[in-house]
């Protein structure tokens, strides 16, 4: 059985503290002394825990200024323990099914609920991804942020607790298969974006479903080839 070290447990406690105290992106955390007192550990343990969280992009350490909540908090949250699952290919298949259950509905909700500023952000993310793909660069980060933004646009606060699973699915797709659809993914994202911009919830639902099924078929085929 896997036993976490004290710094790892402390990192988990700090992540929980950030969540319970509703610290938003960019918020400054208490200093090492205060955190050590709160968590009843040494300052050195807190320092190691902060280092772990910084590596996972949960927090950002700014020299001379302190420790702040990263804008990417949640990217490395592992509330379901997915990082400990040994059969990554089985996990990919299961997470693809999960995405099909929830992401089309999130896209439909985004078409109904997204503010003008959220739609502009979604458009900017799409443009960044399109540019990266056109230049032959890895567009994984833009892909992930696009899906994350849609979840935020849905207006459903509970969705945020599911984001780590969604992002983990995308990350595992990249790691397990190594190949991506490139222009087809860009076009799929374009259809999703246009449906959300047009406030067409049914079309957003269908576009997201088609995109995820396309990804699912590609990934399952590649995993079969790797057997």
Protein backbone atom coordinates (compact mmCIF):
# COMPACT_ATOMS: atom_id res chain seq x y z
CA UNK A 1 0.00 0.00 0.00
CA UNK A 2 1.22 3.49 -0.81
CA UNK A 3 1.90 5.64 2.28
CA UNK A 4 2.32 9.36 1.81
CA UNK A 5 5.22 11.16 3.43
CA UNK A 6 4.65 14.02 5.89
CA UNK A 7 5.40 16.70 3.24
CA UNK A 8 2.92 15.02 0.86
CA UNK A 9 0.24 14.92 3.55
CA UNK A 10 1.00 18.53 4.37
CA UNK A 11 0.66 19.44 0.70
CA UNK A 12 -2.75 17.76 0.69
CA UNK A 13 -3.71 19.73 3.81
CA UNK A 14 -2.67 23.01 2.18
CA UNK A 15 -4.67 22.15 -0.95
CA UNK A 16 -7.66 21.45 1.28
CA UNK A 17 -7.08 24.75 3.08
CA UNK A 18 -7.06 26.62 -0.24
CA UNK A 19 -10.36 24.96 -1.17
CA UNK A 20 -12.12 25.44 2.18
CA UNK A 21 -11.06 29.07 2.52
CA UNK A 22 -12.15 29.73 -1.07
CA UNK A 23 -8.80 31.19 -2.12
CA UNK A 24 -9.13 32.43 -5.69
CA UNK A 25 -6.40 32.45 -8.33
CA UNK A 26 -3.71 34.96 -7.44
CA UNK A 27 -4.57 35.04 -3.73
CA UNK A 28 -1.60 35.11 -1.36
CA UNK A 29 -1.28 32.27 1.13
CA UNK A 30 -0.26 32.75 4.78
CA UNK A 31 3.47 32.58 5.44
CA UNK A 32 5.37 29.45 6.37
CA UNK A 33 5.23 30.19 10.11
CA UNK A 34 1.45 30.60 10.14
CA UNK A 35 0.88 27.52 7.98
CA UNK A 36 3.21 25.48 10.18
CA UNK A 37 1.25 26.53 13.28
CA UNK A 38 -2.11 25.81 11.62
CA UNK A 39 -1.03 22.38 10.42
CA UNK A 40 1.14 21.55 13.44
CA UNK A 41 4.24 20.72 11.43
CA UNK A 42 7.66 22.31 11.10
CA UNK A 43 8.43 25.20 8.74
CA UNK A 44 10.76 22.89 6.83
CA UNK A 45 7.87 20.47 6.21
CA UNK A 46 5.71 23.36 5.00
CA UNK A 47 8.53 24.47 2.71
CA UNK A 48 8.77 20.98 1.20
CA UNK A 49 4.99 20.81 0.81
CA UNK A 50 4.93 24.18 -0.96
CA UNK A 51 7.65 22.93 -3.28
CA UNK A 52 5.53 19.89 -4.16
CA UNK A 53 2.49 22.08 -4.84
CA UNK A 54 4.55 24.46 -6.96
CA UNK A 55 5.79 21.54 -9.07
CA UNK A 56 2.16 20.54 -9.63
CA UNK A 57 1.24 24.17 -10.48
CA UNK A 58 -1.22 24.41 -7.60
CA UNK A 59 0.68 27.38 -6.16
CA UNK A 60 3.25 29.83 -7.45
CA UNK A 61 6.21 30.97 -5.36
CA UNK A 62 7.32 34.52 -6.10
CA UNK A 63 10.73 35.29 -4.71
CA UNK A 64 10.53 38.05 -2.12
CA UNK A 65 6.73 38.28 -2.36
CA UNK A 66 5.37 34.99 -1.03
CA UNK A 67 3.27 32.05 -2.19
CA UNK A 68 0.18 32.58 -4.34
CA UNK A 69 -2.60 30.35 -5.66
CA UNK A 70 -1.79 29.46 -9.26
CA UNK A 71 -4.23 30.31 -12.04
CA UNK A 72 -3.95 26.61 -12.89
CA UNK A 73 -4.99 25.33 -9.51
CA UNK A 74 -6.80 22.03 -9.93
CA UNK A 75 -4.66 20.85 -12.82
CA UNK A 76 -2.89 18.48 -10.51
CA UNK A 77 -5.66 17.87 -7.97
CA UNK A 78 -6.18 14.13 -7.79
CA UNK A 79 -9.31 13.83 -5.70
CA UNK A 80 -10.15 10.42 -7.17
CA UNK A 81 -6.67 8.97 -6.85
CA UNK A 82 -6.34 8.50 -10.60
CA UNK A 83 -2.58 8.94 -10.53
CA UNK A 84 -2.30 5.69 -8.57
CA UNK A 85 -4.19 3.57 -11.12
CA UNK A 86 -1.67 1.22 -12.73
CA UNK A 87 -3.70 0.26 -15.82
CA UNK A 88 -3.53 3.59 -17.65
CA UNK A 89 -5.16 2.27 -20.82
CA UNK A 90 -8.19 1.01 -18.89
CA UNK A 91 -8.30 4.36 -17.12
CA UNK A 92 -8.28 6.19 -20.44
CA UNK A 93 -11.24 4.12 -21.68
CA UNK A 94 -13.19 4.77 -18.49
CA UNK A 95 -12.45 8.48 -18.51
CA UNK A 96 -13.48 8.77 -22.15
CA UNK A 97 -16.85 7.32 -21.15
CA UNK A 98 -17.05 9.81 -18.28
CA UNK A 99 -16.32 12.71 -20.61
CA UNK A 100 -19.10 11.58 -22.95
CA UNK A 101 -21.49 11.60 -20.02
CA UNK A 102 -20.76 15.11 -18.81
CA UNK A 103 -18.95 17.31 -21.35
CA UNK A 104 -21.71 17.54 -23.98
CA UNK A 105 -24.09 18.77 -21.28
CA UNK A 106 -21.48 21.28 -20.10
CA UNK A 107 -21.17 22.60 -23.63
CA UNK A 108 -24.96 22.98 -23.87
CA UNK A 109 -25.02 24.81 -20.54
CA UNK A 110 -22.17 27.05 -21.68
CA UNK A 111 -24.23 28.07 -24.72
CA UNK A 112 -27.05 29.01 -22.36
CA UNK A 113 -25.08 30.56 -19.49
CA UNK A 114 -21.74 31.96 -20.71
CA UNK A 115 -21.14 35.69 -20.35
CA UNK A 116 -19.74 37.79 -23.18
CA UNK A 117 -16.36 37.96 -21.47
CA UNK A 118 -16.26 34.17 -21.03
CA UNK A 119 -17.04 33.66 -24.69
CA UNK A 120 -14.26 36.08 -25.64
CA UNK A 121 -11.86 34.08 -23.47
CA UNK A 122 -13.02 30.87 -25.16
CA UNK A 123 -12.45 32.47 -28.57
CA UNK A 124 -8.94 33.56 -27.53
CA UNK A 125 -8.10 30.05 -26.36
CA UNK A 126 -9.32 28.62 -29.64
CA UNK A 127 -7.21 31.12 -31.61
CA UNK A 128 -4.12 30.16 -29.59
CA UNK A 129 -4.75 26.50 -30.25
CA UNK A 130 -5.35 27.06 -33.96
CA UNK A 131 -2.10 29.00 -34.23
CA UNK A 132 -0.10 26.38 -32.34
CA UNK A 133 -1.48 23.60 -34.52
CA UNK A 134 -0.82 25.56 -37.71
CA UNK A 135 2.79 26.08 -36.65
CA UNK A 136 3.25 22.41 -35.85
CA UNK A 137 3.64 23.05 -32.12
CA UNK A 138 2.18 20.98 -29.30
CA UNK A 139 -1.26 22.38 -28.56
CA UNK A 140 -2.06 20.16 -25.57
CA UNK A 141 -2.21 23.06 -23.11
CA UNK A 142 -4.57 25.10 -25.27
CA UNK A 143 -6.73 22.02 -25.84
CA UNK A 144 -6.99 21.41 -22.12
CA UNK A 145 -7.72 25.04 -21.30
CA UNK A 146 -10.43 25.17 -23.98
CA UNK A 147 -12.32 22.29 -22.37
CA UNK A 148 -11.74 23.72 -18.91
CA UNK A 149 -13.09 27.09 -19.98
CA UNK A 150 -16.26 25.48 -21.32
CA UNK A 151 -16.77 23.81 -17.96
CA UNK A 152 -16.42 27.19 -16.27
CA UNK A 153 -18.82 28.79 -18.73
CA UNK A 154 -21.48 26.25 -17.79
CA UNK A 155 -22.14 28.18 -14.60
CA UNK A 156 -22.37 24.99 -12.55
CA UNK A 157 -20.04 25.20 -9.55
CA UNK A 158 -20.08 21.42 -9.02
CA UNK A 159 -18.46 20.97 -12.43
CA UNK A 160 -15.21 22.32 -11.03
CA UNK A 161 -14.83 19.30 -8.79
CA UNK A 162 -14.86 17.15 -11.93
CA UNK A 163 -12.24 19.15 -13.81
CA UNK A 164 -9.25 17.15 -12.54
CA UNK A 165 -10.78 13.98 -14.01
CA UNK A 166 -11.43 15.67 -17.35
CA UNK A 167 -7.95 17.12 -17.50
CA UNK A 168 -6.43 13.83 -16.44
CA UNK A 169 -8.24 12.17 -19.32
CA UNK A 170 -6.74 14.62 -21.81
CA UNK A 171 -3.28 14.20 -20.31
CA UNK A 172 -3.49 10.41 -20.43
CA UNK A 173 -4.65 10.53 -24.05
CA UNK A 174 -1.49 12.44 -24.87
CA UNK A 175 0.77 10.10 -22.90
CA UNK A 176 -0.76 6.79 -23.97
CA UNK A 177 -1.32 7.39 -27.66
CA UNK A 178 1.30 10.00 -28.49
CA UNK A 179 -0.54 11.04 -31.67
CA UNK A 180 -3.28 13.63 -32.04
CA UNK A 181 -5.78 14.65 -34.69
CA UNK A 182 -4.40 18.11 -35.35
CA UNK A 183 -6.59 19.96 -37.85
CA UNK A 184 -9.58 17.72 -37.16
CA UNK A 185 -9.42 18.69 -33.49
CA UNK A 186 -9.20 22.36 -34.41
CA UNK A 187 -12.26 22.07 -36.65
CA UNK A 188 -14.16 20.22 -33.94
CA UNK A 189 -13.33 22.95 -31.45
CA UNK A 190 -14.40 25.57 -33.99
CA UNK A 191 -17.85 23.95 -34.29
CA UNK A 192 -18.21 23.82 -30.52
CA UNK A 193 -17.14 27.45 -30.17
CA UNK A 194 -19.50 28.67 -32.89
CA UNK A 195 -22.43 26.85 -31.30
CA UNK A 196 -21.67 28.40 -27.91
CA UNK A 197 -21.22 31.85 -29.44
CA UNK A 198 -24.53 31.44 -31.25
CA UNK A 199 -26.29 30.39 -28.03
CA UNK A 200 -27.30 27.13 -29.72
CA UNK A 201 -27.27 24.64 -26.86
CA UNK A 202 -28.40 21.62 -28.88
CA UNK A 203 -25.73 22.22 -31.50
CA UNK A 204 -23.10 22.70 -28.78
CA UNK A 205 -24.17 19.39 -27.23
CA UNK A 206 -23.99 17.59 -30.58
CA UNK A 207 -20.66 19.18 -31.56
CA UNK A 208 -19.04 18.20 -28.27
CA UNK A 209 -20.45 14.67 -28.53
CA UNK A 210 -19.10 14.26 -32.07
CA UNK A 211 -15.69 15.60 -31.00
CA UNK A 212 -15.42 13.22 -28.05
CA UNK A 213 -16.58 10.21 -30.07
CA UNK A 214 -14.00 11.04 -32.73
CA UNK A 215 -11.30 11.15 -30.05
CA UNK A 216 -12.58 7.98 -28.45
CA UNK A 217 -12.50 6.02 -31.71
CA UNK A 218 -8.98 7.26 -32.51
CA UNK A 219 -7.62 6.42 -29.08
CA UNK A 220 -9.22 3.00 -28.83
CA UNK A 221 -7.95 2.11 -32.30
CA UNK A 222 -4.41 3.18 -31.42
CA UNK A 223 -4.50 1.23 -28.18
CA UNK A 224 -5.59 -1.86 -30.10
CA UNK A 225 -2.67 -1.41 -32.49
CA UNK A 226 -0.27 -1.21 -29.55
CA UNK A 227 -1.30 -4.63 -28.18
